[in-house]
Amino acid sequence: MGNSQSSGQYDVNDATLRFVRRRDDITLDDDPDVLRAEMSCGHAVSPQSLTAWCRSLLDQGQYKFHCPAITHGTEKCGAEWPYLEVRKLAVLSDSEQAHFEENMALLAATEYCEFKSCPSCETYVERADLSNLCVRCTICTALKHKSFQFCWQCLREWRGPAAHSLRCSHEDCVHPDVDKLAKCKNMRLSYVNDVECPAIRACPTCGLLLEHNGFACKNLMCKRCRVEFCFLCLQLKRVCNPISGPYNVCSVAPRQTEIPVWKR
């Protein structure tokens, strides 16, 4: 990593940056004495506002950085900033770069790879096919001199699939997240006619469990797949909102009993 300016300020002689003296599009601070730079999407930031915003995204489990600037009404810019651009315009120190890059690598690995401990040898096994519950352990297969497979869901030796494709032939094979969906409390969306719904939903696209804070509109953006959906009816935002809008009750989908499989 190269050295960063410890002062956290822009080098006014850097000809690769476009400097502006207008309001910060993240914090809305309009101090005319603060030198700001334009991101690739055209919105103005300071090193401090950009660092704070991107760090908050990391803390929420997001490793892709999107512009939060409001463009029209409540619509956000949403442009994705490449990390190299963030690193440069946030004037990250060496320690900040290390923090960002370590966390980004961890979050990316969690998104694109699935690992669990083999129930027999306890070594970590990656599931390549997210739609297949039957996983083969190469270590056990080599040691036992025969194919050893286990169920990704209940972590017991594979005995074949059930008639229902979402579990193996063990009767009590249930995805652990299904239990969380069944036992979660109800909550109310105060800005959407105070409507009541389950407090936890599985993203209809990738299956990640998500909670709504109860405020603002009924839409929620999944922090893993970045798809926005309605927390009430579980339809994608582009399907639900043109009909009912973001602040009106559509229909409240019942508690989910299955975890959607992410078909990436």
C-alpha atoms as a PDB file:
ATOM      1  CA  MET A   1       0.000   0.000   0.000  1.00  0.00           C
ATOM      2  CA  GLY A   2       1.223   3.476  -0.741  1.00  0.00           C
ATOM      3  CA  ASN A   3       1.491   6.180   1.862  1.00  0.00           C
ATOM      4  CA  SER A   4      -1.605   8.247   2.543  1.00  0.00           C
ATOM      5  CA  GLN A   5      -1.726  11.805   3.750  1.00  0.00           C
ATOM      6  CA  SER A   6      -2.115  11.589   7.504  1.00  0.00           C
ATOM      7  CA  SER A   7      -3.891  14.962   7.527  1.00  0.00           C
ATOM      8  CA  GLY A   8      -6.873  13.479   5.658  1.00  0.00           C
ATOM      9  CA  GLN A   9      -6.962  16.490   3.339  1.00  0.00           C
ATOM     10  CA  TYR A  10      -6.754  16.765  -0.418  1.00  0.00           C
ATOM     11  CA  ASP A  11      -3.553  17.703  -2.186  1.00  0.00           C
ATOM     12  CA  VAL A  12      -4.599  20.846  -4.035  1.00  0.00           C
ATOM     13  CA  ASN A  13      -1.932  20.138  -6.648  1.00  0.00           C
ATOM     14  CA  ASP A  14      -3.459  16.788  -7.594  1.00  0.00           C
ATOM     15  CA  ALA A  15      -4.548  17.359 -11.194  1.00  0.00           C
ATOM     16  CA  THR A  16      -6.428  14.033 -11.279  1.00  0.00           C
ATOM     17  CA  LEU A  17      -9.127  15.376  -8.916  1.00  0.00           C
ATOM     18  CA  ARG A  18     -11.889  17.814  -9.758  1.00  0.00           C
ATOM     19  CA  PHE A  19     -12.204  20.197  -6.807  1.00  0.00           C
ATOM     20  CA  VAL A  20     -15.411  22.078  -5.978  1.00  0.00           C
ATOM     21  CA  ARG A  21     -16.558  24.465  -3.272  1.00  0.00           C
ATOM     22  CA  ARG A  22     -20.183  23.531  -2.963  1.00  0.00           C
ATOM     23  CA  ARG A  23     -22.322  21.619  -0.468  1.00  0.00           C
ATOM     24  CA  ASP A  24     -21.251  18.122   0.569  1.00  0.00           C
ATOM     25  CA  ASP A  25     -23.730  15.705  -1.015  1.00  0.00           C
ATOM     26  CA  ILE A  26     -23.368  13.170   1.823  1.00  0.00           C
ATOM     27  CA  THR A  27     -23.539  15.334   4.969  1.00  0.00           C
ATOM     28  CA  LEU A  28     -25.146  18.411   3.306  1.00  0.00           C
ATOM     29  CA  ASP A  29     -22.519  20.550   5.067  1.00  0.00           C
ATOM     30  CA  ASP A  30     -22.130  23.819   3.150  1.00  0.00           C
ATOM     31  CA  ASP A  31     -19.075  25.357   4.820  1.00  0.00           C
ATOM     32  CA  PRO A  32     -17.512  27.363   1.946  1.00  0.00           C
ATOM     33  CA  ASP A  33     -14.026  26.945   3.401  1.00  0.00           C
ATOM     34  CA  VAL A  34     -14.069  23.156   3.017  1.00  0.00           C
ATOM     35  CA  LEU A  35     -12.437  21.887  -0.167  1.00  0.00           C
ATOM     36  CA  ARG A  36     -14.401  19.030  -1.700  1.00  0.00           C
ATOM     37  CA  ALA A  37     -13.907  16.779  -4.702  1.00  0.00           C
ATOM     38  CA  GLU A  38     -16.316  15.287  -7.202  1.00  0.00           C
ATOM     39  CA  MET A  39     -16.856  11.538  -7.305  1.00  0.00           C
ATOM     40  CA  SER A  40     -17.268   9.849 -10.703  1.00  0.00           C
ATOM     41  CA  CYS A  41     -21.053  10.264 -10.376  1.00  0.00           C
ATOM     42  CA  GLY A  42     -20.670  14.038 -10.056  1.00  0.00           C
ATOM     43  CA  HIS A  43     -21.505  14.387  -6.354  1.00  0.00           C
ATOM     44  CA  ALA A  44     -19.285  16.326  -3.967  1.00  0.00           C
ATOM     45  CA  VAL A  45     -17.575  14.803  -0.927  1.00  0.00           C
ATOM     46  CA  SER A  46     -14.886  15.568   1.593  1.00  0.00           C
ATOM     47  CA  PRO A  47     -12.391  12.925   2.748  1.00  0.00           C
ATOM     48  CA  GLN A  48     -14.124  12.797   6.124  1.00  0.00           C
ATOM     49  CA  SER A  49     -17.690  12.424   4.837  1.00  0.00           C
ATOM     50  CA  LEU A  50     -16.680   9.796   2.279  1.00  0.00           C
ATOM     51  CA  THR A  51     -14.703   7.763   4.826  1.00  0.00           C
ATOM     52  CA  ALA A  52     -17.525   7.877   7.387  1.00  0.00           C
ATOM     53  CA  TRP A  53     -20.163   6.854   4.843  1.00  0.00           C
ATOM     54  CA  CYS A  54     -18.176   3.954   3.402  1.00  0.00           C
ATOM     55  CA  ARG A  55     -17.192   2.748   6.876  1.00  0.00           C
ATOM     56  CA  SER A  56     -20.875   2.731   7.851  1.00  0.00           C
ATOM     57  CA  LEU A  57     -21.632   0.558   4.814  1.00  0.00           C
ATOM     58  CA  LEU A  58     -18.916  -1.892   5.850  1.00  0.00           C
ATOM     59  CA  ASP A  59     -20.389  -2.004   9.364  1.00  0.00           C
ATOM     60  CA  GLN A  60     -23.743  -2.962   7.779  1.00  0.00           C
ATOM     61  CA  GLY A  61     -22.128  -5.873   5.939  1.00  0.00           C
ATOM     62  CA  GLN A  62     -21.831  -4.153   2.553  1.00  0.00           C
ATOM     63  CA  TYR A  63     -18.537  -4.158   0.680  1.00  0.00           C
ATOM     64  CA  LYS A  64     -19.771  -2.306  -2.401  1.00  0.00           C
ATOM     65  CA  PHE A  65     -19.931   1.450  -2.024  1.00  0.00           C
ATOM     66  CA  HIS A  66     -22.933   3.310  -3.450  1.00  0.00           C
ATOM     67  CA  CYS A  67     -23.561   7.047  -3.539  1.00  0.00           C
ATOM     68  CA  PRO A  68     -26.271   8.130  -1.045  1.00  0.00           C
ATOM     69  CA  ALA A  69     -26.827  11.587  -2.555  1.00  0.00           C
ATOM     70  CA  ILE A  70     -30.488  12.505  -3.019  1.00  0.00           C
ATOM     71  CA  THR A  71     -31.242  13.373  -6.630  1.00  0.00           C
ATOM     72  CA  HIS A  72     -35.028  13.800  -6.938  1.00  0.00           C
ATOM     73  CA  GLY A  73     -37.472  13.696  -4.014  1.00  0.00           C
ATOM     74  CA  THR A  74     -36.372  10.683  -1.990  1.00  0.00           C
ATOM     75  CA  GLU A  75     -34.536   8.963  -4.847  1.00  0.00           C
ATOM     76  CA  LYS A  76     -30.860   8.266  -4.242  1.00  0.00           C
ATOM     77  CA  CYS A  77     -28.101   8.440  -6.821  1.00  0.00           C
ATOM     78  CA  GLY A  78     -27.050   4.855  -6.071  1.00  0.00           C
ATOM     79  CA  ALA A  79     -24.004   4.930  -8.359  1.00  0.00           C
ATOM     80  CA  GLU A  80     -21.403   2.342  -7.369  1.00  0.00           C
ATOM     81  CA  TRP A  81     -17.972   3.777  -6.590  1.00  0.00           C
ATOM     82  CA  PRO A  82     -14.954   1.551  -7.363  1.00  0.00           C
ATOM     83  CA  TYR A  83     -12.856   0.906  -4.269  1.00  0.00           C
ATOM     84  CA  LEU A  84      -9.774   2.511  -5.851  1.00  0.00           C
ATOM     85  CA  GLU A  85     -11.775   5.721  -6.271  1.00  0.00           C
ATOM     86  CA  VAL A  86     -12.998   5.549  -2.669  1.00  0.00           C
ATOM     87  CA  ARG A  87      -9.478   4.911  -1.394  1.00  0.00           C
ATOM     88  CA  LYS A  88      -8.126   7.925  -3.259  1.00  0.00           C
ATOM     89  CA  LEU A  89     -10.876  10.446  -2.544  1.00  0.00           C
ATOM     90  CA  ALA A  90     -11.333   9.361   1.077  1.00  0.00           C
ATOM     91  CA  VAL A  91      -7.563   9.848   1.556  1.00  0.00           C
ATOM     92  CA  LEU A  92      -7.443   6.607   3.549  1.00  0.00           C
ATOM     93  CA  SER A  93      -4.488   6.100   5.853  1.00  0.00           C
ATOM     94  CA  ASP A  94      -2.564   2.830   5.749  1.00  0.00           C
ATOM     95  CA  SER A  95      -4.447   1.508   8.781  1.00  0.00           C
ATOM     96  CA  GLU A  96      -7.794   2.531   7.247  1.00  0.00           C
ATOM     97  CA  GLN A  97      -6.891   0.820   3.979  1.00  0.00           C
ATOM     98  CA  ALA A  98      -6.033  -2.364   5.878  1.00  0.00           C
ATOM     99  CA  HIS A  99      -9.357  -2.209   7.754  1.00  0.00           C
ATOM    100  CA  PHE A 100     -11.350  -1.637   4.571  1.00  0.00           C
ATOM    101  CA  GLU A 101      -9.631  -4.290   2.497  1.00  0.00           C
ATOM    102  CA  GLU A 102      -9.693  -7.005   5.160  1.00  0.00           C
ATOM    103  CA  ASN A 103     -13.401  -6.490   5.770  1.00  0.00           C
ATOM    104  CA  MET A 104     -14.208  -6.247   2.064  1.00  0.00           C
ATOM    105  CA  ALA A 105     -12.410  -9.547   1.413  1.00  0.00           C
ATOM    106  CA  LEU A 106     -14.259 -11.254   4.261  1.00  0.00           C
ATOM    107  CA  LEU A 107     -17.668  -9.967   3.124  1.00  0.00           C
ATOM    108  CA  ALA A 108     -16.998 -10.910  -0.504  1.00  0.00           C
ATOM    109  CA  ALA A 109     -16.005 -14.425   0.526  1.00  0.00           C
ATOM    110  CA  THR A 110     -19.180 -14.757   2.568  1.00  0.00           C
ATOM    111  CA  GLU A 111     -21.289 -13.645  -0.397  1.00  0.00           C
ATOM    112  CA  TYR A 112     -19.756 -15.761  -3.108  1.00  0.00           C
ATOM    113  CA  CYS A 113     -18.708 -18.850  -1.183  1.00  0.00           C
ATOM    114  CA  GLU A 114     -20.469 -21.088   1.303  1.00  0.00           C
ATOM    115  CA  PHE A 115     -18.422 -23.104   3.780  1.00  0.00           C
ATOM    116  CA  LYS A 116     -19.478 -25.516   6.516  1.00  0.00           C
ATOM    117  CA  SER A 117     -17.660 -28.025   8.665  1.00  0.00           C
ATOM    118  CA  CYS A 118     -17.989 -31.648   7.517  1.00  0.00           C
ATOM    119  CA  PRO A 119     -19.896 -33.606  10.226  1.00  0.00           C
ATOM    120  CA  SER A 120     -17.404 -36.483   9.959  1.00  0.00           C
ATOM    121  CA  CYS A 121     -13.897 -34.986   9.688  1.00  0.00           C
ATOM    122  CA  GLU A 122     -14.748 -31.354  10.635  1.00  0.00           C
ATOM    123  CA  THR A 123     -12.723 -29.874   7.784  1.00  0.00           C
ATOM    124  CA  TYR A 124     -14.348 -26.968   5.947  1.00  0.00           C
ATOM    125  CA  VAL A 125     -16.167 -27.865   2.761  1.00  0.00           C
ATOM    126  CA  GLU A 126     -17.370 -25.387   0.134  1.00  0.00           C
ATOM    127  CA  ARG A 127     -20.743 -25.850  -1.532  1.00  0.00           C
ATOM    128  CA  ALA A 128     -20.360 -24.979  -5.201  1.00  0.00           C
ATOM    129  CA  ASP A 129     -23.988 -25.603  -6.219  1.00  0.00           C
ATOM    130  CA  LEU A 130     -26.240 -23.501  -3.978  1.00  0.00           C
ATOM    131  CA  SER A 131     -29.326 -25.398  -5.137  1.00  0.00           C
ATOM    132  CA  ASN A 132     -27.997 -28.833  -4.125  1.00  0.00           C
ATOM    133  CA  LEU A 133     -28.189 -29.925  -0.493  1.00  0.00           C
ATOM    134  CA  CYS A 134     -26.020 -32.988  -1.142  1.00  0.00           C
ATOM    135  CA  VAL A 135     -22.339 -32.103  -0.635  1.00  0.00           C
ATOM    136  CA  ARG A 136     -19.346 -34.406  -1.058  1.00  0.00           C
ATOM    137  CA  CYS A 137     -16.401 -34.207   1.344  1.00  0.00           C
ATOM    138  CA  THR A 138     -13.196 -34.999  -0.545  1.00  0.00           C
ATOM    139  CA  ILE A 139     -11.198 -35.635   2.669  1.00  0.00           C
ATOM    140  CA  CYS A 140     -13.635 -38.250   4.009  1.00  0.00           C
ATOM    141  CA  THR A 141     -14.009 -39.780   0.565  1.00  0.00           C
ATOM    142  CA  ALA A 142     -10.241 -40.303   0.397  1.00  0.00           C
ATOM    143  CA  LEU A 143      -9.958 -41.627   3.987  1.00  0.00           C
ATOM    144  CA  LYS A 144     -12.970 -43.963   3.743  1.00  0.00           C
ATOM    145  CA  HIS A 145     -12.142 -45.093   0.199  1.00  0.00           C
ATOM    146  CA  LYS A 146     -15.746 -44.450  -0.759  1.00  0.00           C
ATOM    147  CA  SER A 147     -17.813 -41.384  -1.510  1.00  0.00           C
ATOM    148  CA  PHE A 148     -18.921 -39.551   1.636  1.00  0.00           C
ATOM    149  CA  GLN A 149     -21.745 -37.052   1.239  1.00  0.00           C
ATOM    150  CA  PHE A 150     -23.701 -35.070   3.797  1.00  0.00           C
ATOM    151  CA  CYS A 151     -26.742 -32.815   3.905  1.00  0.00           C
ATOM    152  CA  TRP A 152     -25.830 -29.139   3.867  1.00  0.00           C
ATOM    153  CA  GLN A 153     -28.932 -28.309   5.861  1.00  0.00           C
ATOM    154  CA  CYS A 154     -28.999 -30.759   8.781  1.00  0.00           C
ATOM    155  CA  LEU A 155     -25.304 -31.806   8.585  1.00  0.00           C
ATOM    156  CA  ARG A 156     -25.992 -35.542   8.662  1.00  0.00           C
ATOM    157  CA  GLU A 157     -24.775 -38.212   6.277  1.00  0.00           C
ATOM    158  CA  TRP A 158     -26.701 -38.051   3.026  1.00  0.00           C
ATOM    159  CA  ARG A 159     -29.461 -40.647   2.744  1.00  0.00           C
ATOM    160  CA  GLY A 160     -31.083 -39.281  -0.366  1.00  0.00           C
ATOM    161  CA  PRO A 161     -33.457 -36.396  -1.129  1.00  0.00           C
ATOM    162  CA  ALA A 162     -36.990 -36.102   0.194  1.00  0.00           C
ATOM    163  CA  ALA A 163     -39.950 -35.771  -2.114  1.00  0.00           C
ATOM    164  CA  HIS A 164     -39.857 -32.096  -1.091  1.00  0.00           C
ATOM    165  CA  SER A 165     -36.717 -30.684  -2.690  1.00  0.00           C
ATOM    166  CA  LEU A 166     -35.861 -28.338   0.196  1.00  0.00           C
ATOM    167  CA  ARG A 167     -34.708 -31.036   2.601  1.00  0.00           C
ATOM    168  CA  CYS A 168     -33.084 -34.465   2.653  1.00  0.00           C
ATOM    169  CA  SER A 169     -34.830 -37.711   3.602  1.00  0.00           C
ATOM    170  CA  HIS A 170     -34.386 -37.094   7.334  1.00  0.00           C
ATOM    171  CA  GLU A 171     -37.840 -36.041   8.550  1.00  0.00           C
ATOM    172  CA  ASP A 172     -36.496 -33.306  10.839  1.00  0.00           C
ATOM    173  CA  CYS A 173     -34.178 -31.771   8.245  1.00  0.00           C
ATOM    174  CA  VAL A 174     -35.035 -28.072   8.423  1.00  0.00           C
ATOM    175  CA  HIS A 175     -33.044 -24.996   7.437  1.00  0.00           C
ATOM    176  CA  PRO A 176     -32.125 -23.238  10.725  1.00  0.00           C
ATOM    177  CA  ASP A 177     -33.271 -19.894   9.337  1.00  0.00           C
ATOM    178  CA  VAL A 178     -36.804 -21.263   8.887  1.00  0.00           C
ATOM    179  CA  ASP A 179     -37.039 -21.616  12.663  1.00  0.00           C
ATOM    180  CA  LYS A 180     -36.034 -17.955  13.073  1.00  0.00           C
ATOM    181  CA  LEU A 181     -38.756 -16.908  10.641  1.00  0.00           C
ATOM    182  CA  ALA A 182     -41.336 -18.980  12.509  1.00  0.00           C
ATOM    183  CA  LYS A 183     -40.434 -17.646  15.961  1.00  0.00           C
ATOM    184  CA  CYS A 184     -39.772 -13.965  15.257  1.00  0.00           C
ATOM    185  CA  LYS A 185     -42.142 -11.373  16.711  1.00  0.00           C
ATOM    186  CA  ASN A 186     -44.389  -9.095  14.719  1.00  0.00           C
ATOM    187  CA  MET A 187     -43.532  -5.434  14.239  1.00  0.00           C
ATOM    188  CA  ARG A 188     -45.247  -2.345  12.820  1.00  0.00           C
ATOM    189  CA  LEU A 189     -44.246  -0.048   9.982  1.00  0.00           C
ATOM    190  CA  SER A 190     -45.144   3.303  11.516  1.00  0.00           C
ATOM    191  CA  TYR A 191     -44.948   5.223   8.222  1.00  0.00           C
ATOM    192  CA  VAL A 192     -47.087   2.698   6.339  1.00  0.00           C
ATOM    193  CA  ASN A 193     -50.437   3.008   8.156  1.00  0.00           C
ATOM    194  CA  ASP A 194     -48.841   1.326  11.194  1.00  0.00           C
ATOM    195  CA  VAL A 195     -49.361  -2.027   9.458  1.00  0.00           C
ATOM    196  CA  GLU A 196     -48.197  -5.166  11.287  1.00  0.00           C
ATOM    197  CA  CYS A 197     -45.961  -7.831   9.753  1.00  0.00           C
ATOM    198  CA  PRO A 198     -43.256 -10.350  10.777  1.00  0.00           C
ATOM    199  CA  ALA A 199     -40.108  -8.623  12.066  1.00  0.00           C
ATOM    200  CA  ILE A 200     -37.789 -10.858  10.025  1.00  0.00           C
ATOM    201  CA  ARG A 201     -38.050 -11.652   6.334  1.00  0.00           C
ATOM    202  CA  ALA A 202     -35.899 -13.757   4.027  1.00  0.00           C
ATOM    203  CA  CYS A 203     -34.842 -11.784   0.968  1.00  0.00           C
ATOM    204  CA  PRO A 204     -36.979 -13.168  -1.898  1.00  0.00           C
ATOM    205  CA  THR A 205     -33.936 -13.099  -4.185  1.00  0.00           C
ATOM    206  CA  CYS A 206     -31.042 -14.536  -2.159  1.00  0.00           C
ATOM    207  CA  GLY A 207     -32.634 -15.802   1.089  1.00  0.00           C
ATOM    208  CA  LEU A 208     -30.628 -13.622   3.507  1.00  0.00           C
ATOM    209  CA  LEU A 209     -32.548 -12.855   6.727  1.00  0.00           C
ATOM    210  CA  LEU A 210     -33.285  -9.150   7.120  1.00  0.00           C
ATOM    211  CA  GLU A 211     -35.007  -6.903   9.643  1.00  0.00           C
ATOM    212  CA  HIS A 212     -36.819  -3.611   9.022  1.00  0.00           C
ATOM    213  CA  ASN A 213     -36.231  -0.780  11.512  1.00  0.00           C
ATOM    214  CA  GLY A 214     -39.945   0.113  11.455  1.00  0.00           C
ATOM    215  CA  PHE A 215     -39.416   3.581  10.002  1.00  0.00           C
ATOM    216  CA  ALA A 216     -39.503   5.121   6.523  1.00  0.00           C
ATOM    217  CA  CYS A 217     -41.080   3.271   3.594  1.00  0.00           C
ATOM    218  CA  LYS A 218     -41.894  -0.421   3.261  1.00  0.00           C
ATOM    219  CA  ASN A 219     -39.029  -1.120   0.855  1.00  0.00           C
ATOM    220  CA  LEU A 220     -35.773  -2.698   1.983  1.00  0.00           C
ATOM    221  CA  MET A 221     -32.556  -3.198   0.044  1.00  0.00           C
ATOM    222  CA  CYS A 222     -30.843  -6.517   0.691  1.00  0.00           C
ATOM    223  CA  LYS A 223     -27.292  -5.904   1.868  1.00  0.00           C
ATOM    224  CA  ARG A 224     -26.070  -9.058   0.125  1.00  0.00           C
ATOM    225  CA  CYS A 225     -27.669  -9.144  -3.335  1.00  0.00           C
ATOM    226  CA  ARG A 226     -28.536  -5.397  -3.442  1.00  0.00           C
ATOM    227  CA  VAL A 227     -32.077  -6.123  -4.693  1.00  0.00           C
ATOM    228  CA  GLU A 228     -34.811  -3.884  -3.263  1.00  0.00           C
ATOM    229  CA  PHE A 229     -38.103  -5.510  -2.261  1.00  0.00           C
ATOM    230  CA  CYS A 230     -41.292  -4.758  -0.343  1.00  0.00           C
ATOM    231  CA  PHE A 231     -41.106  -5.973   3.282  1.00  0.00           C
ATOM    232  CA  LEU A 232     -44.880  -6.473   3.335  1.00  0.00           C
ATOM    233  CA  CYS A 233     -45.825  -8.406   0.196  1.00  0.00           C
ATOM    234  CA  LEU A 234     -42.265  -9.665  -0.578  1.00  0.00           C
ATOM    235  CA  GLN A 235     -42.548  -8.586  -4.201  1.00  0.00           C
ATOM    236  CA  LEU A 236     -39.666  -6.763  -5.824  1.00  0.00           C
ATOM    237  CA  LYS A 237     -39.954  -2.978  -5.459  1.00  0.00           C
ATOM    238  CA  ARG A 238     -40.339  -2.550  -9.236  1.00  0.00           C
ATOM    239  CA  VAL A 239     -43.357  -4.859  -9.135  1.00  0.00           C
ATOM    240  CA  CYS A 240     -45.080  -3.594  -5.967  1.00  0.00           C
ATOM    241  CA  ASN A 241     -44.453   0.166  -5.912  1.00  0.00           C
ATOM    242  CA  PRO A 242     -45.943   1.181  -9.282  1.00  0.00           C
ATOM    243  CA  ILE A 243     -49.259  -0.198  -8.000  1.00  0.00           C
ATOM    244  CA  SER A 244     -49.382   0.825  -4.331  1.00  0.00           C
ATOM    245  CA  GLY A 245     -46.459   3.225  -3.823  1.00  0.00           C
ATOM    246  CA  PRO A 246     -43.797   3.048  -1.075  1.00  0.00           C
ATOM    247  CA  TYR A 247     -45.948   4.244   1.842  1.00  0.00           C
ATOM    248  CA  ASN A 248     -49.262   2.460   1.250  1.00  0.00           C
ATOM    249  CA  VAL A 249     -50.287  -0.992   2.406  1.00  0.00           C
ATOM    250  CA  CYS A 250     -50.301  -3.540  -0.424  1.00  0.00           C
ATOM    251  CA  SER A 251     -50.784  -7.023   1.033  1.00  0.00           C
ATOM    252  CA  VAL A 252     -49.010  -8.668   3.938  1.00  0.00           C
ATOM    253  CA  ALA A 253     -47.415 -11.943   2.903  1.00  0.00           C
ATOM    254  CA  PRO A 254     -47.615 -14.690   5.559  1.00  0.00           C
ATOM    255  CA  ARG A 255     -44.558 -15.874   7.445  1.00  0.00           C
ATOM    256  CA  GLN A 256     -42.164 -17.581   5.098  1.00  0.00           C
ATOM    257  CA  THR A 257     -41.706 -21.312   5.566  1.00  0.00           C
ATOM    258  CA  GLU A 258     -38.912 -21.758   3.006  1.00  0.00           C
ATOM    259  CA  ILE A 259     -35.619 -19.998   2.328  1.00  0.00           C
ATOM    260  CA  PRO A 260     -35.303 -18.813  -1.295  1.00  0.00           C
ATOM    261  CA  VAL A 261     -32.283 -20.180  -3.184  1.00  0.00           C
ATOM    262  CA  TRP A 262     -30.114 -17.518  -4.775  1.00  0.00           C
ATOM    263  CA  LYS A 263     -29.757 -18.332  -8.478  1.00  0.00           C
ATOM    264  CA  ARG A 264     -26.728 -16.170  -9.244  1.00  0.00           C
END
